[in-house]
C-alpha atoms as a PDB file:
ATOM      1  CA  MET A   1     117.350 108.781  99.269  1.00  0.00           C
ATOM      2  CA  PRO A   2     117.895 107.597 102.841  1.00  0.00           C
ATOM      3  CA  VAL A   3     116.380 109.746 105.554  1.00  0.00           C
ATOM      4  CA  ALA A   4     118.101 110.076 108.931  1.00  0.00           C
ATOM      5  CA  GLY A   5     116.390 107.871 111.468  1.00  0.00           C
ATOM      6  CA  MET A   6     114.471 105.853 108.894  1.00  0.00           C
ATOM      7  CA  GLY A   7     114.528 102.133 109.594  1.00  0.00           C
ATOM      8  CA  ALA A   8     115.928  99.608 107.137  1.00  0.00           C
ATOM      9  CA  PRO A   9     112.511  98.250 106.058  1.00  0.00           C
ATOM     10  CA  MET A  10     111.304 101.734 105.112  1.00  0.00           C
ATOM     11  CA  ARG A  11     114.534 102.434 103.204  1.00  0.00           C
ATOM     12  CA  PHE A  12     114.026  99.151 101.345  1.00  0.00           C
ATOM     13  CA  ILE A  13     110.427 100.066 100.470  1.00  0.00           C
ATOM     14  CA  ALA A  14     111.511 103.559  99.400  1.00  0.00           C
ATOM     15  CA  ARG A  15     114.067 102.002  97.047  1.00  0.00           C
ATOM     16  CA  ILE A  16     111.446  99.681  95.546  1.00  0.00           C
ATOM     17  CA  ILE A  17     108.846 102.446  95.141  1.00  0.00           C
ATOM     18  CA  ASN A  18     111.342 104.898  93.633  1.00  0.00           C
ATOM     19  CA  GLY A  19     108.655 107.423  92.653  1.00  0.00           C
ATOM     20  CA  ARG A  20     106.352 104.846  91.026  1.00  0.00           C
ATOM     21  CA  HIS A  21     103.636 105.004  93.681  1.00  0.00           C
ATOM     22  CA  GLU A  22     101.587 107.540  91.735  1.00  0.00           C
ATOM     23  CA  ALA A  23     101.559 105.379  88.609  1.00  0.00           C
ATOM     24  CA  VAL A  24     100.399 102.378  90.635  1.00  0.00           C
ATOM     25  CA  LEU A  25      97.613 104.383  92.288  1.00  0.00           C
ATOM     26  CA  ASN A  26      96.486 105.860  88.967  1.00  0.00           C
ATOM     27  CA  PHE A  27      96.515 102.406  87.355  1.00  0.00           C
ATOM     28  CA  SER A  28      94.387 101.024  90.187  1.00  0.00           C
ATOM     29  CA  ILE A  29      91.902 103.891  89.987  1.00  0.00           C
ATOM     30  CA  ASP A  30      91.704 103.618  86.193  1.00  0.00           C
ATOM     31  CA  LYS A  31      91.087  99.855  86.426  1.00  0.00           C
ATOM     32  CA  ALA A  32      88.404 100.341  89.088  1.00  0.00           C
ATOM     33  CA  ARG A  33      86.612 102.929  86.933  1.00  0.00           C
ATOM     34  CA  ALA A  34      86.802 100.739  83.823  1.00  0.00           C
ATOM     35  CA  THR A  35      85.502  97.739  85.748  1.00  0.00           C
ATOM     36  CA  SER A  36      82.657  99.787  87.227  1.00  0.00           C
ATOM     37  CA  TRP A  37      81.644 101.058  83.794  1.00  0.00           C
ATOM     38  CA  SER A  38      81.769  97.554  82.293  1.00  0.00           C
ATOM     39  CA  ASN A  39      79.619  96.183  85.088  1.00  0.00           C
ATOM     40  CA  ALA A  40      77.125  99.030  84.719  1.00  0.00           C
ATOM     41  CA  GLN A  41      76.802  98.288  81.004  1.00  0.00           C
ATOM     42  CA  LEU A  42      76.371  94.581  81.660  1.00  0.00           C
ATOM     43  CA  LEU A  43      73.750  95.166  84.349  1.00  0.00           C
ATOM     44  CA  ALA A  44      71.800  97.571  82.145  1.00  0.00           C
ATOM     45  CA  ASN A  45      71.284  94.813  79.577  1.00  0.00           C
ATOM     46  CA  MET A  46      70.316  92.028  81.989  1.00  0.00           C
ATOM     47  CA  THR A  47      67.049  90.766  83.307  1.00  0.00           C
ATOM     48  CA  PRO A  48      66.375  91.344  87.010  1.00  0.00           C
ATOM     49  CA  ILE A  49      67.298  87.720  87.813  1.00  0.00           C
ATOM     50  CA  GLN A  50      70.558  88.012  85.856  1.00  0.00           C
ATOM     51  CA  GLN A  51      71.291  91.292  87.626  1.00  0.00           C
ATOM     52  CA  GLU A  52      70.860  89.640  91.033  1.00  0.00           C
ATOM     53  CA  GLN A  53      73.229  86.828  90.055  1.00  0.00           C
ATOM     54  CA  HIS A  54      75.824  89.228  88.641  1.00  0.00           C
ATOM     55  CA  ILE A  55      75.658  91.499  91.691  1.00  0.00           C
ATOM     56  CA  ALA A  56      76.080  88.461  93.964  1.00  0.00           C
ATOM     57  CA  ALA A  57      79.159  87.409  91.967  1.00  0.00           C
ATOM     58  CA  MET A  58      80.609  90.954  92.190  1.00  0.00           C
ATOM     59  CA  ASP A  59      79.908  91.044  95.936  1.00  0.00           C
ATOM     60  CA  ASN A  60      81.715  87.716  96.358  1.00  0.00           C
ATOM     61  CA  LEU A  61      84.735  88.978  94.413  1.00  0.00           C
ATOM     62  CA  VAL A  62      84.926  92.190  96.450  1.00  0.00           C
ATOM     63  CA  LEU A  63      84.608  90.183  99.666  1.00  0.00           C
ATOM     64  CA  LYS A  64      87.563  87.991  98.645  1.00  0.00           C
ATOM     65  CA  LEU A  65      89.619  91.073  97.804  1.00  0.00           C
ATOM     66  CA  GLY A  66      88.734  92.654 101.140  1.00  0.00           C
ATOM     67  CA  LYS A  67      89.836  89.520 102.973  1.00  0.00           C
ATOM     68  CA  LYS A  68      93.181  89.604 101.138  1.00  0.00           C
ATOM     69  CA  ILE A  69      93.657  93.210 102.230  1.00  0.00           C
ATOM     70  CA  GLU A  70      92.619  92.376 105.797  1.00  0.00           C
ATOM     71  CA  GLN A  71      94.881  89.299 105.910  1.00  0.00           C
ATOM     72  CA  PRO A  72      97.673  89.947 103.393  1.00  0.00           C
ATOM     73  CA  GLY A  73      99.636  86.789 104.061  1.00  0.00           C
ATOM     74  CA  PRO A  74     102.798  85.870 105.947  1.00  0.00           C
ATOM     75  CA  TRP A  75     105.311  87.900 103.915  1.00  0.00           C
ATOM     76  CA  ALA A  76     103.362  91.130 104.138  1.00  0.00           C
ATOM     77  CA  ILE A  77     102.685  90.578 107.831  1.00  0.00           C
ATOM     78  CA  TYR A  78     106.402  89.956 108.460  1.00  0.00           C
ATOM     79  CA  LEU A  79     107.368  93.112 106.560  1.00  0.00           C
ATOM     80  CA  LEU A  80     104.783  95.176 108.457  1.00  0.00           C
ATOM     81  CA  LYS A  81     106.112  93.877 111.787  1.00  0.00           C
ATOM     82  CA  LEU A  82     109.629  94.900 110.765  1.00  0.00           C
ATOM     83  CA  ILE A  83     108.402  98.354 109.842  1.00  0.00           C
ATOM     84  CA  ARG A  84     106.543  98.712 113.161  1.00  0.00           C
ATOM     85  CA  LYS A  85     109.736  97.901 115.086  1.00  0.00           C
ATOM     86  CA  THR A  86     111.607 100.694 113.311  1.00  0.00           C
ATOM     87  CA  GLU A  87     108.909 103.355 113.631  1.00  0.00           C
ATOM     88  CA  PHE A  88     109.242 106.249 116.001  1.00  0.00           C
ATOM     89  CA  ASP A  89     107.004 106.496 119.044  1.00  0.00           C
ATOM     90  CA  VAL A  90     105.617 109.798 117.748  1.00  0.00           C
ATOM     91  CA  PRO A  91     103.292 109.039 114.778  1.00  0.00           C
ATOM     92  CA  ALA A  92     103.687 112.561 113.348  1.00  0.00           C
ATOM     93  CA  ARG A  93     107.440 112.011 112.992  1.00  0.00           C
ATOM     94  CA  THR A  94     106.937 108.657 111.225  1.00  0.00           C
ATOM     95  CA  ILE A  95     104.389 110.220 108.852  1.00  0.00           C
ATOM     96  CA  GLY A  96     106.805 113.063 108.123  1.00  0.00           C
ATOM     97  CA  LEU A  97     109.538 110.590 107.213  1.00  0.00           C
ATOM     98  CA  ILE A  98     107.218 108.593 104.964  1.00  0.00           C
ATOM     99  CA  GLU A  99     106.052 111.746 103.193  1.00  0.00           C
ATOM    100  CA  SER A 100     109.625 112.925 102.669  1.00  0.00           C
ATOM    101  CA  VAL A 101     110.459 109.672 100.878  1.00  0.00           C
ATOM    102  CA  VAL A 102     107.222 108.914  99.033  1.00  0.00           C
ATOM    103  CA  MET A 103     106.152 112.386  97.962  1.00  0.00           C
END
């Protein structure tokens, strides 16, 4: 549902999301919990040296993920720049528009 004053990029994102944002968030949280539990079980059955190696590998994986979030790539950066150009100068108004579409 288009909202008056909402820029084209946000309307496009709203169309793609179409109420599925909660399912995506829940999936991500569920996966994170399952992965945490699996790693805890693995670590509990390892020697201290194995634990150090496994923790180092997990740290490396999380670091790579963090870098992807920090630097999402050219397409995401382009889309974010488009969104910024269509945002209102008053952040509260932009947040209100996002909430009216996403929630």
